[in-house]
């Protein structure tokens, strides 16, 4: 699906080494250290989100949902206390995306300048260019993941931690059919060091070479901890071959859209906080046509690159207004997925 790259002919394209490109092509992912400067890129994001959390704490305290604003706690401990006391997660206030249905004119999202700077960071785009080429589009399949320790998380209807470990899936499986030929690349990176006990990605190496696997809805065959989650049955791939991918601050993971992966549980006492982004060559379908992307890099038409965080926010505000008029009250008139419940693989 990705272009065939002769590593001996790409000395000036992107920042990945020949060995890193070969690793990606063979295993379906590559981990790269020291791509994002923690002080210049990551710390401003944390500071920006501290302001978002301030506003959330004020709203919940004034509504009587929490007994304290917990303003003396650092971000991770503070968000954990708030999630635990309210019995709910509040990830939508931090996310730079929207739900697929039930969106209101005041549904929160966050598209601040520090977050936008990470999306358009030159070192990050250099690494992406090594695999996609110089015409790079920011695909709107994107999320921030703020995961408190699982033993502190509220539980869902089947008794599992909300936003706990992530079930097996391929990122190709979360887009509609229009993007089946799109060279979509996943970029994952943490805001804090993410050792194994914090619940990093777990990846099945070389699982990207076949077809898109069936993703079952409300499947229970992979264990009760994933009951109710959309997931790939473990009998469809070599689950025992999975490996954890711990990543330190500043590092990233680049992953093929068909690589099977999930995440481990956060069994530490600290929050696990990460960005989960997608990019593709400009002009290819994103697989989420109602959501806004933008040109992140263009060597042929640099004037088309978006470098205005306010404009990015405006794009998402316009999308929110549009979404507030569709997919309401259980209706699914506009499609965001492809899976049904009666596939034989899901029996």
Protein backbone atom coordinates (compact mmCIF):
# COMPACT_ATOMS: atom_id res chain seq x y z
CA UNK A 1 0.00 0.00 0.00
CA UNK A 2 2.86 2.39 0.75
CA UNK A 3 5.20 3.38 -2.08
CA UNK A 4 8.18 1.13 -2.60
CA UNK A 5 11.18 3.09 -1.33
CA UNK A 6 14.70 2.34 -2.45
CA UNK A 7 16.59 3.45 0.64
CA UNK A 8 19.80 3.97 -1.32
CA UNK A 9 18.05 6.69 -3.35
CA UNK A 10 16.48 8.74 -0.54
CA UNK A 11 19.34 10.49 1.29
CA UNK A 12 17.55 13.87 1.31
CA UNK A 13 13.93 12.80 1.79
CA UNK A 14 12.82 13.00 5.39
CA UNK A 15 14.69 12.14 8.56
CA UNK A 16 14.40 8.35 8.88
CA UNK A 17 17.49 6.28 8.29
CA UNK A 18 17.64 3.49 5.73
CA UNK A 19 17.45 0.96 8.56
CA UNK A 20 14.37 2.63 10.05
CA UNK A 21 12.58 2.63 6.69
CA UNK A 22 13.45 -1.03 6.21
CA UNK A 23 12.14 -1.79 9.72
CA UNK A 24 8.84 -0.07 8.91
CA UNK A 25 8.46 -1.88 5.59
CA UNK A 26 9.21 -5.28 7.15
CA UNK A 27 7.46 -5.03 10.53
CA UNK A 28 4.71 -2.50 9.81
CA UNK A 29 5.96 0.02 12.39
CA UNK A 30 9.06 1.81 13.56
CA UNK A 31 9.83 3.52 16.85
CA UNK A 32 11.95 6.68 16.60
CA UNK A 33 13.47 8.44 19.61
CA UNK A 34 14.00 12.17 20.13
CA UNK A 35 11.77 13.51 17.36
CA UNK A 36 9.75 16.04 19.39
CA UNK A 37 11.58 18.45 21.68
CA UNK A 38 9.98 17.97 25.14
CA UNK A 39 10.55 21.56 26.27
CA UNK A 40 9.56 23.26 23.01
CA UNK A 41 6.68 20.99 21.92
CA UNK A 42 5.40 18.79 24.74
CA UNK A 43 5.59 21.08 27.78
CA UNK A 44 3.51 23.83 26.09
CA UNK A 45 0.83 21.20 25.33
CA UNK A 46 0.75 20.18 28.99
CA UNK A 47 0.47 23.82 30.06
CA UNK A 48 -2.31 24.41 27.54
CA UNK A 49 -4.27 21.42 28.79
CA UNK A 50 -3.83 22.54 32.38
CA UNK A 51 -5.94 25.55 31.41
CA UNK A 52 -8.57 23.27 29.86
CA UNK A 53 -8.63 21.24 33.07
CA UNK A 54 -8.98 24.44 35.12
CA UNK A 55 -12.17 25.30 33.27
CA UNK A 56 -13.55 21.76 33.58
CA UNK A 57 -12.85 21.72 37.33
CA UNK A 58 -14.56 25.09 37.76
CA UNK A 59 -17.67 23.89 35.92
CA UNK A 60 -17.90 20.64 37.86
CA UNK A 61 -17.28 22.31 41.22
CA UNK A 62 -19.91 24.97 40.58
CA UNK A 63 -22.35 22.23 39.54
CA UNK A 64 -21.67 20.38 42.80
CA UNK A 65 -20.22 17.31 41.03
CA UNK A 66 -16.84 17.51 42.77
CA UNK A 67 -16.00 18.55 46.32
CA UNK A 68 -12.76 20.30 45.37
CA UNK A 69 -11.16 21.88 42.31
CA UNK A 70 -7.94 19.98 43.16
CA UNK A 71 -5.97 22.96 41.86
CA UNK A 72 -2.85 22.07 43.87
CA UNK A 73 -2.40 18.73 42.06
CA UNK A 74 -0.39 18.21 38.84
CA UNK A 75 -2.40 17.44 35.71
CA UNK A 76 -2.30 13.65 35.91
CA UNK A 77 -3.30 13.37 39.57
CA UNK A 78 -5.90 16.11 39.19
CA UNK A 79 -7.66 14.54 36.21
CA UNK A 80 -7.61 11.16 37.97
CA UNK A 81 -9.31 12.62 41.05
CA UNK A 82 -11.95 14.35 38.93
CA UNK A 83 -12.73 11.25 36.87
CA UNK A 84 -12.93 9.12 40.02
CA UNK A 85 -15.16 11.52 41.95
CA UNK A 86 -17.60 12.20 39.10
CA UNK A 87 -17.68 8.56 38.02
CA UNK A 88 -17.32 9.77 34.45
CA UNK A 89 -14.56 10.43 31.98
CA UNK A 90 -14.36 13.87 30.40
CA UNK A 91 -12.03 13.20 27.49
CA UNK A 92 -14.14 15.13 25.00
CA UNK A 93 -13.06 18.44 26.55
CA UNK A 94 -9.45 17.60 25.68
CA UNK A 95 -9.98 15.95 22.30
CA UNK A 96 -9.27 17.49 18.89
CA UNK A 97 -12.10 15.58 17.26
CA UNK A 98 -15.85 15.13 17.66
CA UNK A 99 -18.26 12.24 18.26
CA UNK A 100 -19.95 10.63 15.26
CA UNK A 101 -23.45 11.29 16.54
CA UNK A 102 -25.34 13.38 19.06
CA UNK A 103 -23.11 16.42 18.57
CA UNK A 104 -24.50 19.68 19.95
CA UNK A 105 -23.56 23.28 19.24
CA UNK A 106 -21.70 23.34 22.56
CA UNK A 107 -20.01 19.91 22.37
CA UNK A 108 -16.48 20.65 23.58
CA UNK A 109 -13.23 20.03 21.72
CA UNK A 110 -9.73 21.48 22.00
CA UNK A 111 -7.63 22.81 19.12
CA UNK A 112 -5.18 25.12 20.85
CA UNK A 113 -1.98 26.51 19.33
CA UNK A 114 0.37 24.23 21.28
CA UNK A 115 -1.53 21.17 20.04
CA UNK A 116 -1.51 22.53 16.49
CA UNK A 117 2.25 23.12 16.71
CA UNK A 118 2.74 19.42 17.40
CA UNK A 119 0.67 18.45 14.36
CA UNK A 120 2.84 20.67 12.14
CA UNK A 121 6.21 20.18 13.81
CA UNK A 122 8.94 20.14 11.18
CA UNK A 123 10.88 17.25 12.72
CA UNK A 124 7.70 15.18 12.89
CA UNK A 125 6.84 16.00 9.29
CA UNK A 126 10.41 15.11 8.24
CA UNK A 127 9.91 11.62 9.64
CA UNK A 128 6.51 11.30 7.95
CA UNK A 129 7.97 12.49 4.65
CA UNK A 130 10.38 9.57 4.74
CA UNK A 131 7.40 7.25 4.27
CA UNK A 132 4.74 9.32 2.49
CA UNK A 133 6.73 11.79 0.42
CA UNK A 134 6.64 15.60 0.58
CA UNK A 135 2.90 16.20 -0.01
CA UNK A 136 1.46 15.52 3.45
CA UNK A 137 -2.14 15.91 4.62
CA UNK A 138 -3.24 15.89 8.26
CA UNK A 139 -5.96 13.24 8.33
CA UNK A 140 -8.80 14.02 10.79
CA UNK A 141 -8.73 10.52 12.32
CA UNK A 142 -7.04 11.81 15.47
CA UNK A 143 -7.42 11.71 19.24
CA UNK A 144 -5.76 12.57 22.52
CA UNK A 145 -5.80 9.70 25.04
CA UNK A 146 -5.77 10.65 28.72
CA UNK A 147 -5.81 7.36 30.64
CA UNK A 148 -5.66 7.45 34.44
CA UNK A 149 -4.54 4.31 36.32
CA UNK A 150 -7.07 1.55 35.68
CA UNK A 151 -7.65 0.90 39.38
CA UNK A 152 -8.90 4.50 39.70
CA UNK A 153 -11.09 4.58 36.59
CA UNK A 154 -14.91 4.56 36.55
CA UNK A 155 -16.37 1.29 35.22
CA UNK A 156 -18.66 0.70 32.25
CA UNK A 157 -21.85 -1.37 32.15
CA UNK A 158 -19.95 -4.67 32.06
CA UNK A 159 -17.62 -3.72 34.92
CA UNK A 160 -14.54 -2.85 32.86
CA UNK A 161 -12.55 0.38 33.29
CA UNK A 162 -13.68 3.13 30.92
CA UNK A 163 -10.82 4.10 28.58
CA UNK A 164 -8.77 1.16 29.82
CA UNK A 165 -6.65 -1.13 27.65
CA UNK A 166 -7.44 -0.87 23.93
CA UNK A 167 -8.68 -3.95 22.08
CA UNK A 168 -7.00 -5.42 18.99
CA UNK A 169 -7.64 -3.43 15.81
CA UNK A 170 -6.15 -2.04 12.63
CA UNK A 171 -6.38 1.69 12.00
CA UNK A 172 -7.60 0.88 8.50
CA UNK A 173 -10.67 -0.54 10.24
CA UNK A 174 -11.87 2.80 11.63
CA UNK A 175 -12.35 4.51 8.25
CA UNK A 176 -14.98 3.99 5.57
CA UNK A 177 -14.35 2.23 2.27
CA UNK A 178 -13.43 5.37 0.34
CA UNK A 179 -10.00 5.26 2.03
CA UNK A 180 -9.19 1.62 1.26
CA UNK A 181 -6.42 2.68 -1.13
CA UNK A 182 -5.24 5.63 0.95
CA UNK A 183 -1.69 5.43 2.30
CA UNK A 184 -2.72 6.37 5.83
CA UNK A 185 0.09 6.52 8.37
CA UNK A 186 -0.44 6.47 12.14
CA UNK A 187 1.76 8.65 14.35
CA UNK A 188 1.61 7.88 18.08
CA UNK A 189 3.54 9.72 20.79
CA UNK A 190 3.29 10.19 24.57
CA UNK A 191 3.33 13.43 26.56
CA UNK A 192 5.12 11.66 29.44
CA UNK A 193 7.42 8.62 29.48
CA UNK A 194 5.31 5.53 28.88
CA UNK A 195 6.97 2.37 30.21
CA UNK A 196 5.21 -1.00 30.05
CA UNK A 197 3.37 -0.54 33.35
CA UNK A 198 1.71 2.64 32.02
CA UNK A 199 0.02 0.79 29.17
CA UNK A 200 1.83 1.61 25.93
CA UNK A 201 0.96 0.22 22.52
CA UNK A 202 1.26 -3.50 21.91
CA UNK A 203 1.96 -4.33 18.28
CA UNK A 204 1.94 -7.55 16.25
CA UNK A 205 5.04 -7.22 14.04
CA UNK A 206 4.62 -7.91 10.31
CA UNK A 207 0.83 -8.15 10.61
CA UNK A 208 0.35 -5.47 7.96
CA UNK A 209 0.93 -7.58 4.87
CA UNK A 210 -2.52 -9.11 4.46
CA UNK A 211 -6.05 -7.86 4.03
CA UNK A 212 -8.17 -5.79 6.38
CA UNK A 213 -9.32 -8.14 9.13
CA UNK A 214 -12.86 -8.35 10.47
CA UNK A 215 -13.58 -6.01 13.38
CA UNK A 216 -16.40 -7.41 15.49
CA UNK A 217 -18.87 -5.25 17.38
CA UNK A 218 -19.79 -6.28 20.95
CA UNK A 219 -17.42 -9.26 20.72
CA UNK A 220 -16.51 -11.20 23.87
CA UNK A 221 -14.20 -13.89 22.51
CA UNK A 222 -10.94 -12.08 23.34
CA UNK A 223 -11.65 -11.87 27.08
CA UNK A 224 -14.07 -10.12 29.39
CA UNK A 225 -11.82 -7.08 29.74
CA UNK A 226 -12.68 -6.14 26.15
CA UNK A 227 -16.36 -7.06 26.22
CA UNK A 228 -18.43 -4.60 24.24
CA UNK A 229 -15.46 -3.16 22.33
CA UNK A 230 -15.03 -3.31 18.57
CA UNK A 231 -12.10 -5.66 18.03
CA UNK A 232 -10.42 -8.29 15.84
CA UNK A 233 -10.91 -11.89 17.06
CA UNK A 234 -7.57 -13.33 18.12
CA UNK A 235 -8.05 -16.41 15.93
CA UNK A 236 -7.63 -14.18 12.86
CA UNK A 237 -3.99 -13.24 13.56
CA UNK A 238 -0.95 -14.28 15.61
CA UNK A 239 -1.82 -12.57 18.89
CA UNK A 240 0.94 -14.39 20.78
CA UNK A 241 3.49 -12.53 18.66
CA UNK A 242 2.56 -9.13 20.08
CA UNK A 243 5.24 -7.00 21.73
CA UNK A 244 4.92 -3.90 23.97
CA UNK A 245 6.38 -0.63 22.67
CA UNK A 246 7.41 1.58 25.61
CA UNK A 247 8.23 5.13 24.47
CA UNK A 248 9.92 8.01 26.25
CA UNK A 249 9.00 11.69 25.95
CA UNK A 250 10.03 13.00 22.57
CA UNK A 251 9.83 9.63 20.85
CA UNK A 252 7.21 8.55 18.32
CA UNK A 253 5.83 5.37 16.78
CA UNK A 254 5.03 5.31 13.06
CA UNK A 255 2.62 2.54 12.08
CA UNK A 256 1.12 1.10 8.89
CA UNK A 257 -2.67 1.30 8.73
CA UNK A 258 -3.01 -2.51 8.60
CA UNK A 259 -0.70 -3.30 11.51
CA UNK A 260 -2.65 -5.12 14.23
CA UNK A 261 -2.25 -3.43 17.59
CA UNK A 262 -3.91 -2.52 20.86
CA UNK A 263 -2.64 -1.21 24.17
CA UNK A 264 -1.75 -2.67 27.52
CA UNK A 265 -3.58 -1.67 30.72
CA UNK A 266 -2.24 1.21 32.75
CA UNK A 267 -1.33 -0.61 35.98
CA UNK A 268 0.84 2.23 37.25
CA UNK A 269 -0.19 4.99 39.66
CA UNK A 270 0.26 7.72 37.02
CA UNK A 271 -1.71 8.95 34.03
CA UNK A 272 -0.88 7.64 30.54
CA UNK A 273 -1.24 10.52 28.09
CA UNK A 274 -0.70 10.26 24.35
CA UNK A 275 -1.53 11.71 20.93
CA UNK A 276 -2.83 9.42 18.19
CA UNK A 277 -2.59 11.15 14.78
CA UNK A 278 -2.95 10.17 11.12
CA UNK A 279 -1.44 11.54 7.92
CA UNK A 280 -1.77 10.63 4.25
CA UNK A 281 -0.57 11.96 0.89
CA UNK A 282 -2.50 15.06 -0.10
CA UNK A 283 -5.38 14.32 -2.45
CA UNK A 284 -6.14 10.83 -1.14
CA UNK A 285 -9.48 10.27 0.68
CA UNK A 286 -9.24 10.48 4.46
CA UNK A 287 -11.98 7.95 5.21
CA UNK A 288 -13.75 10.52 7.38
CA UNK A 289 -15.02 13.02 4.80
CA UNK A 290 -17.23 15.06 7.15
CA UNK A 291 -14.28 15.95 9.40
CA UNK A 292 -11.68 18.58 8.44
CA UNK A 293 -8.06 17.86 7.55
CA UNK A 294 -5.46 20.23 6.21
CA UNK A 295 -2.26 20.37 4.19
CA UNK A 296 0.56 19.93 6.69
CA UNK A 297 3.43 20.05 4.19
CA UNK A 298 3.71 20.71 0.48
CA UNK A 299 7.00 21.03 -1.33
CA UNK A 300 5.19 21.74 -4.62
CA UNK A 301 2.69 24.31 -3.21
CA UNK A 302 3.97 25.58 0.14
CA UNK A 303 1.38 28.36 0.13
CA UNK A 304 -1.31 25.71 0.73
CA UNK A 305 0.18 24.65 4.08
CA UNK A 306 -1.94 25.56 7.09
CA UNK A 307 0.04 27.29 9.83
CA UNK A 308 -2.78 29.17 11.56
CA UNK A 309 -4.16 27.44 14.67
CA UNK A 310 -7.16 29.79 14.71
CA UNK A 311 -8.10 28.65 11.21
CA UNK A 312 -7.86 25.03 12.34
CA UNK A 313 -10.20 25.82 15.23
CA UNK A 314 -12.57 27.52 12.80
CA UNK A 315 -12.66 24.39 10.62
CA UNK A 316 -13.66 22.25 13.61
CA UNK A 317 -16.22 24.83 14.80
CA UNK A 318 -17.86 24.76 11.37
CA UNK A 319 -17.84 20.96 11.48
CA UNK A 320 -19.47 20.97 14.92
CA UNK A 321 -22.28 23.19 13.62
CA UNK A 322 -22.79 20.84 10.67
CA UNK A 323 -22.72 17.74 12.88
CA UNK A 324 -25.30 19.28 15.23
CA UNK A 325 -27.80 18.91 12.40
CA UNK A 326 -27.12 15.26 11.49
CA UNK A 327 -26.83 11.84 13.16
CA UNK A 328 -29.13 12.87 16.00
CA UNK A 329 -31.43 10.78 18.22
CA UNK A 330 -29.93 7.44 17.22
CA UNK A 331 -30.06 8.15 13.51
CA UNK A 332 -27.09 7.20 11.34
CA UNK A 333 -27.83 9.02 8.13
CA UNK A 334 -24.15 9.78 7.60
CA UNK A 335 -21.76 6.85 7.77
CA UNK A 336 -18.59 6.77 9.88
CA UNK A 337 -17.91 3.02 10.03
CA UNK A 338 -18.17 -0.18 8.03
CA UNK A 339 -18.81 -3.04 10.46
CA UNK A 340 -22.00 -4.93 11.29
CA UNK A 341 -22.80 -7.49 13.96
CA UNK A 342 -23.55 -10.57 11.86
CA UNK A 343 -20.21 -11.39 10.21
CA UNK A 344 -19.37 -15.12 10.52
CA UNK A 345 -15.92 -14.27 11.97
CA UNK A 346 -17.73 -12.77 14.96
CA UNK A 347 -19.76 -15.83 15.91
